[in-house]
N, C-alpha and C. Protein backbone atom coordinates (compact mmCIF):
# COMPACT_ATOMS: atom_id res chain seq x y z
N MET A 1 0.89 -1.93 0.01
CA MET A 1 0.24 -0.20 0.44
C MET A 1 0.70 1.30 -0.45
N LYS A 2 2.02 1.02 0.41
CA LYS A 2 2.92 2.93 0.96
C LYS A 2 3.60 2.75 -0.63
N LYS A 3 3.61 1.22 -1.80
CA LYS A 3 4.15 2.34 -2.70
C LYS A 3 2.97 2.58 -3.80
N VAL A 4 1.56 2.63 -3.58
CA VAL A 4 0.43 3.16 -4.45
C VAL A 4 0.77 4.27 -4.19
N GLY A 5 0.80 5.03 -2.78
CA GLY A 5 0.57 6.34 -1.86
C GLY A 5 1.83 6.63 -2.35
N LEU A 6 3.35 6.36 -2.62
CA LEU A 6 4.10 6.63 -2.66
C LEU A 6 3.86 7.66 -4.23
N LEU A 7 3.20 6.32 -5.56
CA LEU A 7 2.89 6.60 -6.61
C LEU A 7 1.78 7.20 -6.91
N GLY A 8 0.86 7.80 -6.45
CA GLY A 8 0.78 8.38 -6.53
C GLY A 8 0.36 9.67 -5.84
N VAL A 9 1.52 10.27 -5.18
CA VAL A 9 2.43 11.34 -4.43
C VAL A 9 3.91 11.76 -6.29
N LEU A 10 3.71 11.60 -6.66
CA LEU A 10 5.10 10.68 -7.91
C LEU A 10 3.81 11.60 -9.29
N VAL A 11 3.13 11.03 -9.12
CA VAL A 11 2.22 11.42 -9.99
C VAL A 11 1.49 12.66 -10.64
N LEU A 12 0.80 13.09 -8.54
CA LEU A 12 0.79 14.10 -9.08
C LEU A 12 1.44 15.23 -8.36
N LEU A 13 2.78 14.89 -8.63
CA LEU A 13 4.32 16.52 -8.24
C LEU A 13 4.18 16.58 -10.19
N SER A 14 3.97 15.15 -11.00
CA SER A 14 4.89 15.72 -12.25
C SER A 14 4.11 15.96 -13.01
N THR A 15 2.57 15.93 -12.80
CA THR A 15 1.46 16.36 -13.10
C THR A 15 1.30 18.16 -13.11
N VAL A 16 1.18 18.18 -11.20
CA VAL A 16 1.75 20.64 -11.96
C VAL A 16 2.31 20.82 -12.07
N VAL A 17 3.93 19.82 -11.77
CA VAL A 17 5.27 20.55 -12.75
C VAL A 17 4.72 21.13 -13.66
N GLY A 18 4.25 20.16 -14.48
CA GLY A 18 3.93 20.07 -16.23
C GLY A 18 3.22 21.60 -16.47
N PHE A 19 3.12 21.90 -15.24
CA PHE A 19 2.22 23.88 -15.78
C PHE A 19 3.55 25.08 -15.38
N ALA A 20 3.42 25.53 -16.89
CA ALA A 20 4.59 26.57 -16.82
C ALA A 20 5.13 27.17 -14.85
N GLN A 21 3.43 27.84 -15.13
CA GLN A 21 4.50 28.71 -13.85
C GLN A 21 4.05 27.88 -12.63
N THR A 22 4.94 27.04 -12.50
CA THR A 22 4.90 26.33 -11.83
C THR A 22 6.21 26.54 -9.71
N THR A 23 6.06 26.93 -9.14
CA THR A 23 6.98 27.26 -8.34
C THR A 23 7.20 25.81 -7.11
N LEU A 24 8.65 25.16 -7.38
CA LEU A 24 9.06 24.40 -6.03
C LEU A 24 9.49 24.64 -5.05
N GLY A 25 9.35 24.04 -4.13
CA GLY A 25 10.21 24.92 -3.00
C GLY A 25 10.27 23.23 -2.06
N VAL A 26 10.61 24.65 -0.77
CA VAL A 26 11.15 23.26 0.80
C VAL A 26 10.53 23.88 1.67
N LYS A 27 10.01 23.32 2.72
CA LYS A 27 9.30 23.81 3.73
C LYS A 27 9.46 23.34 5.11
N GLY A 28 9.83 24.03 6.05
CA GLY A 28 9.35 22.97 7.79
C GLY A 28 8.98 23.51 8.75
N GLY A 29 8.94 22.87 9.82
CA GLY A 29 8.57 24.28 11.26
C GLY A 29 8.33 23.13 12.79
N ILE A 30 7.59 24.02 13.09
CA ILE A 30 7.03 22.81 14.28
C ILE A 30 5.67 22.98 14.75
N ASN A 31 5.24 21.97 14.78
CA ASN A 31 4.05 21.74 14.95
C ASN A 31 3.47 21.13 16.66
N SER A 32 2.40 21.43 16.66
CA SER A 32 1.84 21.52 18.19
C SER A 32 0.51 20.47 18.72
N ALA A 33 0.90 19.03 18.20
CA ALA A 33 0.14 18.21 18.29
C ALA A 33 -0.53 17.12 19.25
N ILE A 34 -2.19 17.20 19.41
CA ILE A 34 -3.51 16.57 19.90
C ILE A 34 -4.02 15.90 20.16
N ILE A 35 -4.34 14.73 20.52
CA ILE A 35 -5.15 14.05 20.28
C ILE A 35 -6.58 14.11 20.26
N GLY A 36 -7.65 14.61 19.31
CA GLY A 36 -8.70 15.35 19.95
C GLY A 36 -10.38 14.13 20.27
N GLY A 37 -11.35 14.57 20.13
CA GLY A 37 -12.44 14.36 20.20
C GLY A 37 -12.65 13.15 21.49
N ASN A 38 -13.73 13.02 21.89
CA ASN A 38 -13.33 12.11 23.47
C ASN A 38 -11.82 11.99 24.31
N ALA A 39 -11.16 12.50 23.55
CA ALA A 39 -9.17 12.05 24.78
C ALA A 39 -9.78 12.70 25.58
N LYS A 40 -9.90 12.58 27.06
CA LYS A 40 -9.03 12.71 28.26
C LYS A 40 -7.88 13.15 28.74
N ASN A 41 -8.17 14.07 29.23
CA ASN A 41 -6.03 14.87 29.87
C ASN A 41 -5.11 14.49 29.14
N ALA A 42 -5.40 14.78 27.68
CA ALA A 42 -4.21 14.47 26.53
C ALA A 42 -3.82 16.33 26.84
N LYS A 43 -2.57 15.59 26.31
CA LYS A 43 -2.06 17.84 25.92
C LYS A 43 -0.89 16.97 24.94
N PRO A 44 -1.05 18.50 24.32
CA PRO A 44 -0.21 18.98 23.26
C PRO A 44 1.07 18.09 23.02
N ARG A 45 1.78 17.96 21.78
CA ARG A 45 3.11 17.02 22.06
C ARG A 45 3.38 17.62 20.77
N VAL A 46 5.39 18.32 20.82
CA VAL A 46 5.43 19.13 20.06
C VAL A 46 6.57 18.19 19.33
N GLY A 47 6.18 18.80 18.01
CA GLY A 47 7.66 17.91 16.71
C GLY A 47 8.09 18.70 16.05
N VAL A 48 7.85 18.08 14.88
CA VAL A 48 8.82 18.70 13.47
C VAL A 48 7.56 18.35 12.01
N HIS A 49 8.55 19.25 10.84
CA HIS A 49 7.87 18.75 9.88
C HIS A 49 8.57 19.42 9.55
N ILE A 50 8.76 18.47 7.42
CA ILE A 50 9.58 19.08 7.07
C ILE A 50 9.51 18.51 5.44
N GLY A 51 9.55 18.80 4.81
CA GLY A 51 8.79 18.53 3.38
C GLY A 51 8.87 19.20 2.12
N ALA A 52 8.39 19.02 1.31
CA ALA A 52 8.47 20.22 -0.38
C ALA A 52 7.17 20.72 -0.50
N PHE A 53 6.95 21.61 -1.83
CA PHE A 53 5.66 21.23 -2.03
C PHE A 53 5.39 21.88 -3.67
N ALA A 54 5.18 22.19 -4.07
CA ALA A 54 4.96 22.58 -6.36
C ALA A 54 3.16 23.58 -5.66
N SER A 55 3.62 24.91 -6.57
CA SER A 55 2.75 25.86 -6.13
C SER A 55 2.20 25.87 -7.20
N THR A 56 1.48 26.61 -7.64
CA THR A 56 0.45 26.75 -9.46
C THR A 56 -0.54 27.89 -8.97
N PRO A 57 -0.12 28.70 -10.70
CA PRO A 57 -1.61 29.52 -9.79
C PRO A 57 -2.48 28.91 -10.43
N ILE A 58 -4.05 29.23 -10.63
CA ILE A 58 -5.18 28.67 -11.15
C ILE A 58 -5.58 30.61 -11.76
N SER A 59 -5.59 30.99 -10.87
CA SER A 59 -6.15 32.03 -11.27
C SER A 59 -5.57 33.91 -10.64
N ASN A 60 -5.17 34.89 -10.78
CA ASN A 60 -4.11 36.01 -10.35
C ASN A 60 -4.40 36.13 -8.82
N ARG A 61 -5.80 35.14 -8.29
CA ARG A 61 -6.02 35.29 -6.98
C ARG A 61 -6.03 34.52 -6.42
N VAL A 62 -6.29 33.04 -7.30
CA VAL A 62 -5.77 31.59 -6.72
C VAL A 62 -4.36 30.96 -6.67
N ALA A 63 -4.14 29.68 -6.29
CA ALA A 63 -3.27 28.96 -6.08
C ALA A 63 -3.52 27.70 -5.94
N LEU A 64 -3.40 26.08 -6.09
CA LEU A 64 -3.13 25.86 -5.46
C LEU A 64 -1.85 24.57 -4.67
N GLN A 65 -1.37 24.83 -4.42
CA GLN A 65 0.08 23.73 -3.65
C GLN A 65 -0.20 22.95 -3.22
N PRO A 66 0.02 22.11 -3.34
CA PRO A 66 0.48 20.56 -3.18
C PRO A 66 1.59 19.76 -2.34
N GLU A 67 1.21 19.22 -1.23
CA GLU A 67 2.88 19.16 -0.43
C GLU A 67 3.80 17.70 -0.64
N VAL A 68 3.86 17.47 0.62
CA VAL A 68 4.07 16.43 0.63
C VAL A 68 5.47 16.42 1.89
N LEU A 69 5.12 16.49 3.69
CA LEU A 69 5.69 15.92 4.37
C LEU A 69 6.04 15.64 5.14
N TYR A 70 6.94 15.32 5.86
CA TYR A 70 7.32 14.63 6.38
C TYR A 70 6.46 14.97 7.93
N SER A 71 5.67 14.66 9.07
CA SER A 71 5.42 14.87 10.19
C SER A 71 5.17 13.99 11.75
N GLN A 72 5.54 14.58 13.09
CA GLN A 72 5.73 14.66 14.06
C GLN A 72 4.58 14.73 14.15
N GLN A 73 3.69 13.83 15.04
CA GLN A 73 2.58 14.32 15.81
C GLN A 73 2.34 13.02 17.34
N GLY A 74 1.33 13.17 17.46
CA GLY A 74 0.54 12.26 18.55
C GLY A 74 0.18 13.35 19.93
N TYR A 75 0.88 12.83 21.03
CA TYR A 75 0.20 13.72 22.70
C TYR A 75 1.17 12.76 23.41
N LEU A 76 0.78 13.58 25.02
CA LEU A 76 1.29 13.16 25.87
C LEU A 76 0.25 13.29 26.44
N HIS A 77 -0.27 12.04 27.77
CA HIS A 77 -1.30 11.55 28.70
C HIS A 77 -0.52 11.14 29.91
N LYS A 78 -0.85 11.91 31.06
CA LYS A 78 0.52 11.40 32.27
C LYS A 78 1.04 11.07 31.60
N ASP A 79 2.07 10.30 32.54
CA ASP A 79 3.27 9.65 31.73
C ASP A 79 3.78 8.96 30.44
N ASP A 80 2.81 8.72 29.86
CA ASP A 80 3.29 8.17 28.68
C ASP A 80 3.18 9.65 27.60
N THR A 81 4.07 9.29 26.78
CA THR A 81 4.24 10.14 25.27
C THR A 81 3.90 8.72 24.10
N TYR A 82 3.24 9.95 22.86
CA TYR A 82 2.66 9.18 22.73
C TYR A 82 2.84 10.26 20.71
N ALA A 83 3.95 8.82 20.13
CA ALA A 83 4.72 8.87 19.00
C ALA A 83 3.67 8.89 18.10
N PHE A 84 3.36 10.07 16.59
CA PHE A 84 2.72 9.15 15.09
C PHE A 84 3.64 10.40 15.04
N ASN A 85 3.88 9.03 13.82
CA ASN A 85 4.59 10.07 12.52
C ASN A 85 3.98 9.44 10.82
N TYR A 86 4.05 10.38 10.41
CA TYR A 86 3.55 10.40 9.22
C TYR A 86 3.89 11.58 7.86
N LEU A 87 2.70 10.13 6.41
CA LEU A 87 3.46 10.97 5.19
C LEU A 87 2.57 11.72 5.06
N LEU A 88 2.62 13.25 4.45
CA LEU A 88 1.22 13.91 4.97
C LEU A 88 0.94 14.07 3.57
N ILE A 89 0.04 14.78 2.95
CA ILE A 89 -0.70 15.25 1.62
C ILE A 89 -1.24 16.27 1.85
N PRO A 90 -1.20 17.67 2.17
CA PRO A 90 -1.81 18.68 2.31
C PRO A 90 -1.98 19.12 0.49
N LEU A 91 -3.50 19.14 0.63
CA LEU A 91 -4.05 19.30 -1.78
C LEU A 91 -4.29 21.17 -0.88
N ILE A 92 -3.66 22.55 -0.90
CA ILE A 92 -3.96 23.44 -0.12
C ILE A 92 -4.21 24.50 -1.40
N PHE A 93 -4.81 25.16 -0.85
CA PHE A 93 -5.96 25.61 -1.85
C PHE A 93 -4.66 28.02 -1.43
N LYS A 94 -4.69 28.22 -2.03
CA LYS A 94 -4.13 29.87 -1.26
C LYS A 94 -5.37 30.20 -2.29
N GLY A 95 -5.54 31.74 -0.98
CA GLY A 95 -6.43 32.78 -1.87
C GLY A 95 -5.30 34.26 -1.23
N THR A 96 -5.31 34.41 -2.72
CA THR A 96 -4.83 36.17 -2.02
C THR A 96 -5.54 36.94 -1.02
N ILE A 97 -5.30 37.65 0.29
CA ILE A 97 -5.68 38.49 0.44
C ILE A 97 -5.94 39.31 0.56
N SER A 98 -4.54 40.07 0.22
CA SER A 98 -4.49 41.18 0.39
C SER A 98 -2.58 41.44 -0.17
N GLY A 99 -2.12 42.15 -1.25
CA GLY A 99 -0.54 42.33 -1.30
C GLY A 99 0.51 40.28 -0.97
N GLY A 100 1.18 39.96 0.05
CA GLY A 100 1.13 38.30 0.07
C GLY A 100 0.96 38.13 0.57
N LEU A 101 -0.36 38.19 2.20
CA LEU A 101 -1.51 37.49 2.60
C LEU A 101 -2.02 36.55 1.80
N HIS A 102 -2.90 35.59 2.06
CA HIS A 102 -3.24 34.51 2.02
C HIS A 102 -4.11 33.54 2.74
N ALA A 103 -5.05 33.65 2.41
CA ALA A 103 -5.41 32.28 2.82
C ALA A 103 -5.65 30.92 2.48
N GLN A 104 -5.76 29.51 4.08
CA GLN A 104 -4.88 28.04 3.11
C GLN A 104 -6.44 27.66 3.56
N VAL A 105 -6.28 26.76 2.33
CA VAL A 105 -7.77 25.87 3.05
C VAL A 105 -7.60 24.50 1.71
N GLY A 106 -7.70 23.00 2.30
CA GLY A 106 -7.74 22.53 1.57
C GLY A 106 -7.69 20.56 2.24
N PRO A 107 -7.99 19.51 2.11
CA PRO A 107 -7.46 18.73 2.14
C PRO A 107 -6.64 17.39 2.33
N GLN A 108 -6.49 16.94 3.58
CA GLN A 108 -4.90 16.83 4.10
C GLN A 108 -5.43 15.56 3.80
N PHE A 109 -4.03 14.16 3.39
CA PHE A 109 -4.10 12.51 3.38
C PHE A 109 -3.01 13.04 4.61
N GLY A 110 -3.53 11.42 4.98
CA GLY A 110 -1.65 11.35 5.76
C GLY A 110 -1.72 9.53 5.83
N MET A 111 -0.55 9.07 6.13
CA MET A 111 -0.23 7.73 6.00
C MET A 111 0.91 7.62 7.11
N LEU A 112 -0.09 6.65 8.06
CA LEU A 112 1.18 6.31 9.28
C LEU A 112 2.30 5.89 8.79
N LEU A 113 3.54 6.40 9.68
CA LEU A 113 4.33 5.62 9.22
C LEU A 113 4.85 4.46 9.91
N LYS A 114 5.07 5.23 11.15
CA LYS A 114 4.98 4.59 12.68
C LYS A 114 4.29 4.85 13.85
N ALA A 115 4.41 4.23 14.60
CA ALA A 115 3.50 4.97 16.03
C ALA A 115 4.09 4.19 17.60
N THR A 116 4.51 5.01 18.98
CA THR A 116 4.87 4.25 19.21
C THR A 116 4.85 4.75 20.98
N ARG A 117 4.88 4.30 21.49
CA ARG A 117 4.53 5.19 22.81
C ARG A 117 5.27 4.56 23.65
N THR A 118 6.21 5.35 24.67
CA THR A 118 6.48 5.47 25.49
C THR A 118 7.03 6.08 26.55
N LYS A 119 7.10 5.17 27.83
CA LYS A 119 6.58 5.00 29.25
C LYS A 119 8.42 4.48 29.76
N ASP A 120 8.53 5.53 31.04
CA ASP A 120 9.69 5.66 31.75
C ASP A 120 10.91 4.45 30.75
N LYS A 121 11.43 5.50 29.85
CA LYS A 121 12.58 5.74 28.61
C LYS A 121 12.09 4.36 27.78
N THR A 122 10.77 3.57 28.64
CA THR A 122 10.97 2.04 27.83
C THR A 122 9.93 2.22 26.40
N SER A 123 9.99 2.07 24.96
CA SER A 123 10.03 2.83 23.98
C SER A 123 9.21 1.59 23.17
N THR A 124 7.82 1.44 22.60
CA THR A 124 6.73 -0.08 22.86
C THR A 124 6.06 0.47 21.32
N ASP A 125 6.61 -0.41 20.19
CA ASP A 125 5.70 -0.18 19.19
C ASP A 125 4.16 -0.79 18.99
N ILE A 126 4.06 1.05 18.58
CA ILE A 126 2.07 0.08 18.52
C ILE A 126 1.41 0.76 17.26
N THR A 127 2.67 0.71 16.69
CA THR A 127 1.93 0.52 14.55
C THR A 127 1.12 0.27 14.19
N GLU A 128 0.73 -1.98 14.88
CA GLU A 128 -0.45 -2.24 14.54
C GLU A 128 -2.11 -1.48 15.16
N ASP A 129 -1.51 -0.86 16.19
CA ASP A 129 -2.70 -0.81 16.85
C ASP A 129 -3.51 1.26 16.43
N ILE A 130 -2.43 1.99 16.12
CA ILE A 130 -3.32 2.80 14.76
C ILE A 130 -3.79 2.50 13.51
N ASN A 131 -4.70 2.96 13.17
CA ASN A 131 -5.64 4.10 11.81
C ASN A 131 -4.37 3.93 11.03
N ARG A 132 -4.09 3.47 10.29
CA ARG A 132 -3.57 2.85 9.38
C ARG A 132 -2.91 4.72 8.39
N TYR A 133 -4.62 5.42 7.94
CA TYR A 133 -4.55 6.63 7.12
C TYR A 133 -5.22 7.35 7.61
N ASP A 134 -5.07 8.61 7.67
CA ASP A 134 -5.43 9.44 8.59
C ASP A 134 -6.56 10.75 7.30
N GLY A 135 -6.98 11.67 7.50
CA GLY A 135 -7.30 12.09 6.98
C GLY A 135 -7.82 13.54 7.55
N GLY A 136 -8.50 15.02 7.07
CA GLY A 136 -8.25 15.86 7.69
C GLY A 136 -8.51 16.98 6.89
N ILE A 137 -8.65 18.50 7.40
CA ILE A 137 -9.27 19.28 6.71
C ILE A 137 -8.67 20.42 7.16
N ALA A 138 -7.70 21.47 6.71
CA ALA A 138 -6.85 22.29 6.67
C ALA A 138 -6.84 23.35 6.57
N LEU A 139 -6.61 24.33 7.19
CA LEU A 139 -7.51 26.27 7.54
C LEU A 139 -6.01 26.45 7.76
N GLY A 140 -5.71 27.71 7.03
CA GLY A 140 -4.21 28.71 7.79
C GLY A 140 -5.01 29.98 6.70
N LEU A 141 -3.13 30.71 7.10
CA LEU A 141 -2.87 31.99 6.47
C LEU A 141 -1.26 31.83 6.66
N GLY A 142 -1.08 32.45 5.57
CA GLY A 142 -0.44 32.80 5.60
C GLY A 142 0.52 33.57 4.78
N TYR A 143 1.79 34.21 4.82
CA TYR A 143 2.88 35.29 3.70
C TYR A 143 3.05 35.25 2.86
N ASP A 144 3.00 35.48 1.31
CA ASP A 144 4.70 34.78 0.63
C ASP A 144 5.61 36.60 0.43
N VAL A 145 6.70 36.75 0.38
CA VAL A 145 7.75 37.49 0.42
C VAL A 145 8.45 37.28 -0.39
N GLY A 146 9.11 37.93 -1.43
CA GLY A 146 9.84 36.62 -1.97
C GLY A 146 9.96 35.64 -2.47
N ALA A 147 11.13 35.05 -2.05
CA ALA A 147 10.92 33.60 -2.24
C ALA A 147 10.37 32.55 -0.43
N VAL A 148 10.62 33.46 0.01
CA VAL A 148 10.33 33.05 1.35
C VAL A 148 8.86 32.37 1.09
N GLN A 149 8.37 32.20 2.18
CA GLN A 149 6.31 32.12 2.63
C GLN A 149 6.94 31.59 4.46
N VAL A 150 6.11 32.43 4.80
CA VAL A 150 5.12 31.86 6.65
C VAL A 150 3.90 31.63 6.04
N SER A 151 3.95 30.56 7.37
CA SER A 151 2.29 30.28 7.68
C SER A 151 2.64 29.82 8.42
N ALA A 152 0.77 29.96 8.87
CA ALA A 152 0.29 29.25 10.49
C ALA A 152 -1.08 27.86 10.00
N ARG A 153 -0.92 27.45 10.29
CA ARG A 153 -1.92 26.52 9.61
C ARG A 153 -3.16 25.33 11.02
N TYR A 154 -3.97 25.52 10.57
CA TYR A 154 -4.92 23.90 11.69
C TYR A 154 -5.14 23.20 11.10
N SER A 155 -4.89 21.56 11.19
CA SER A 155 -5.26 20.45 10.78
C SER A 155 -6.20 20.10 11.76
N LEU A 156 -7.44 19.80 11.31
CA LEU A 156 -8.85 19.37 11.63
C LEU A 156 -9.03 18.04 11.21
N GLY A 157 -8.93 17.00 12.35
CA GLY A 157 -8.79 15.76 11.62
C GLY A 157 -10.15 14.94 12.20
N LEU A 158 -10.20 14.42 10.68
CA LEU A 158 -11.86 13.47 10.15
C LEU A 158 -11.67 12.14 10.39
N SER A 159 -11.14 11.36 10.77
CA SER A 159 -9.99 10.11 10.48
C SER A 159 -9.92 9.78 12.80
N ASP A 160 -10.36 8.73 12.72
CA ASP A 160 -10.25 8.37 13.81
C ASP A 160 -8.91 7.55 14.22
N THR A 161 -7.78 7.71 14.58
CA THR A 161 -6.38 7.25 14.73
C THR A 161 -6.72 5.60 15.29
N ARG A 162 -7.26 5.81 16.08
CA ARG A 162 -7.80 4.21 16.93
C ARG A 162 -7.61 3.29 15.40
N ASN A 163 -7.41 1.32 15.38
CA ASN A 163 -7.91 0.71 14.76
C ASN A 163 -9.52 -0.24 15.39
N ALA A 164 -9.69 -0.13 17.08
CA ALA A 164 -10.36 -0.73 17.30
C ALA A 164 -11.41 -0.21 17.75
N ALA A 165 -12.39 0.73 16.95
CA ALA A 165 -13.18 1.70 17.63
C ALA A 165 -14.53 1.42 18.61
N ILE A 166 -14.36 2.35 19.26
CA ILE A 166 -15.60 2.38 20.31
C ILE A 166 -17.28 2.78 19.15
N LYS A 167 -17.67 2.27 19.07
CA LYS A 167 -19.21 2.95 18.80
C LYS A 167 -18.72 4.33 19.89
N GLY A 168 -19.22 5.57 18.68
CA GLY A 168 -19.80 6.46 19.90
C GLY A 168 -18.73 6.97 20.08
N GLU A 169 -17.41 7.19 19.83
CA GLU A 169 -16.12 7.61 20.93
C GLU A 169 -14.83 7.38 18.89
N THR A 170 -14.18 9.09 18.80
CA THR A 170 -13.74 9.37 18.00
C THR A 170 -12.20 9.56 18.63
N PHE A 171 -11.08 9.23 18.62
CA PHE A 171 -9.49 10.33 18.23
C PHE A 171 -8.84 10.30 17.32
N PRO A 172 -9.62 11.64 16.66
CA PRO A 172 -8.78 12.38 15.77
C PRO A 172 -8.08 13.16 16.04
N ASN A 173 -6.53 12.62 14.92
CA ASN A 173 -5.42 14.90 15.47
C ASN A 173 -5.57 15.71 14.88
N ASN A 174 -5.52 16.61 15.97
CA ASN A 174 -5.00 17.49 15.29
C ASN A 174 -3.93 18.80 15.51
N VAL A 175 -4.04 19.54 14.38
CA VAL A 175 -1.94 19.55 14.57
C VAL A 175 -2.77 21.71 13.83
N PHE A 176 -1.77 21.93 14.78
CA PHE A 176 -1.35 23.28 15.13
C PHE A 176 -0.04 22.91 14.26
N GLN A 177 0.42 23.87 12.79
CA GLN A 177 1.88 23.57 12.66
C GLN A 177 2.72 25.42 11.82
N PHE A 178 3.39 25.03 12.24
CA PHE A 178 4.13 27.44 11.89
C PHE A 178 5.17 26.48 10.91
N SER A 179 5.29 27.41 9.88
CA SER A 179 5.79 26.23 8.90
C SER A 179 6.74 27.95 8.06
N LEU A 180 8.15 27.77 7.72
CA LEU A 180 9.37 28.73 7.19
C LEU A 180 8.94 27.75 5.70
N GLY A 181 9.30 28.91 4.67
CA GLY A 181 8.86 27.77 3.11
C GLY A 181 9.98 28.68 2.26
N TYR A 182 10.87 28.21 0.87
CA TYR A 182 11.38 28.83 0.62
C TYR A 182 11.16 28.35 -1.10
N ARG A 183 10.47 29.08 -1.45
CA ARG A 183 10.43 28.51 -3.66
C ARG A 183 11.82 28.48 -4.11
N LEU A 184 11.89 27.48 -4.17
CA LEU A 184 13.72 27.18 -5.58
C LEU A 184 13.19 28.12 -6.61
N ARG A 185 12.04 28.33 -7.47
CA ARG A 185 12.03 28.69 -8.89
C ARG A 185 10.63 28.93 -8.90
């Protein structure tokens, strides 16, 4: 299944790169992730994200910016740290508000790479207990100045992180990201 996901990413990027005005770039930043829904006593886990993007204008005020990101997510609960590492594929629509200021919105898809639970310096692999696929809606604001992009984005999770769902309860990923990006061309 990982091969299918990676093939999809390559096809998407090669299609976007085919447009004449497409710019490519790299980005990275800080995550503040937490589990939402019915979770009780969860606290945010700080992590990083890093990856690449391609930005293609659709009109003079709207652009499509697909991204491929490695993202450290998860949460803290009492003495336990739950670390979820994802390959994220946000499909962001950027709408210019004024000058370089723009709004961001779009779906975000994720594939779990690894999940661990750490307690008292002992780490346990819990990848099989976590849903391999994640989906959400990303909303944010950004500012482009020259080749530099600065953005703040919130991803509201729509899918349950657990494989074994309990009826009426959900535990989605919710992540706030601060990013700094650089357009290469």
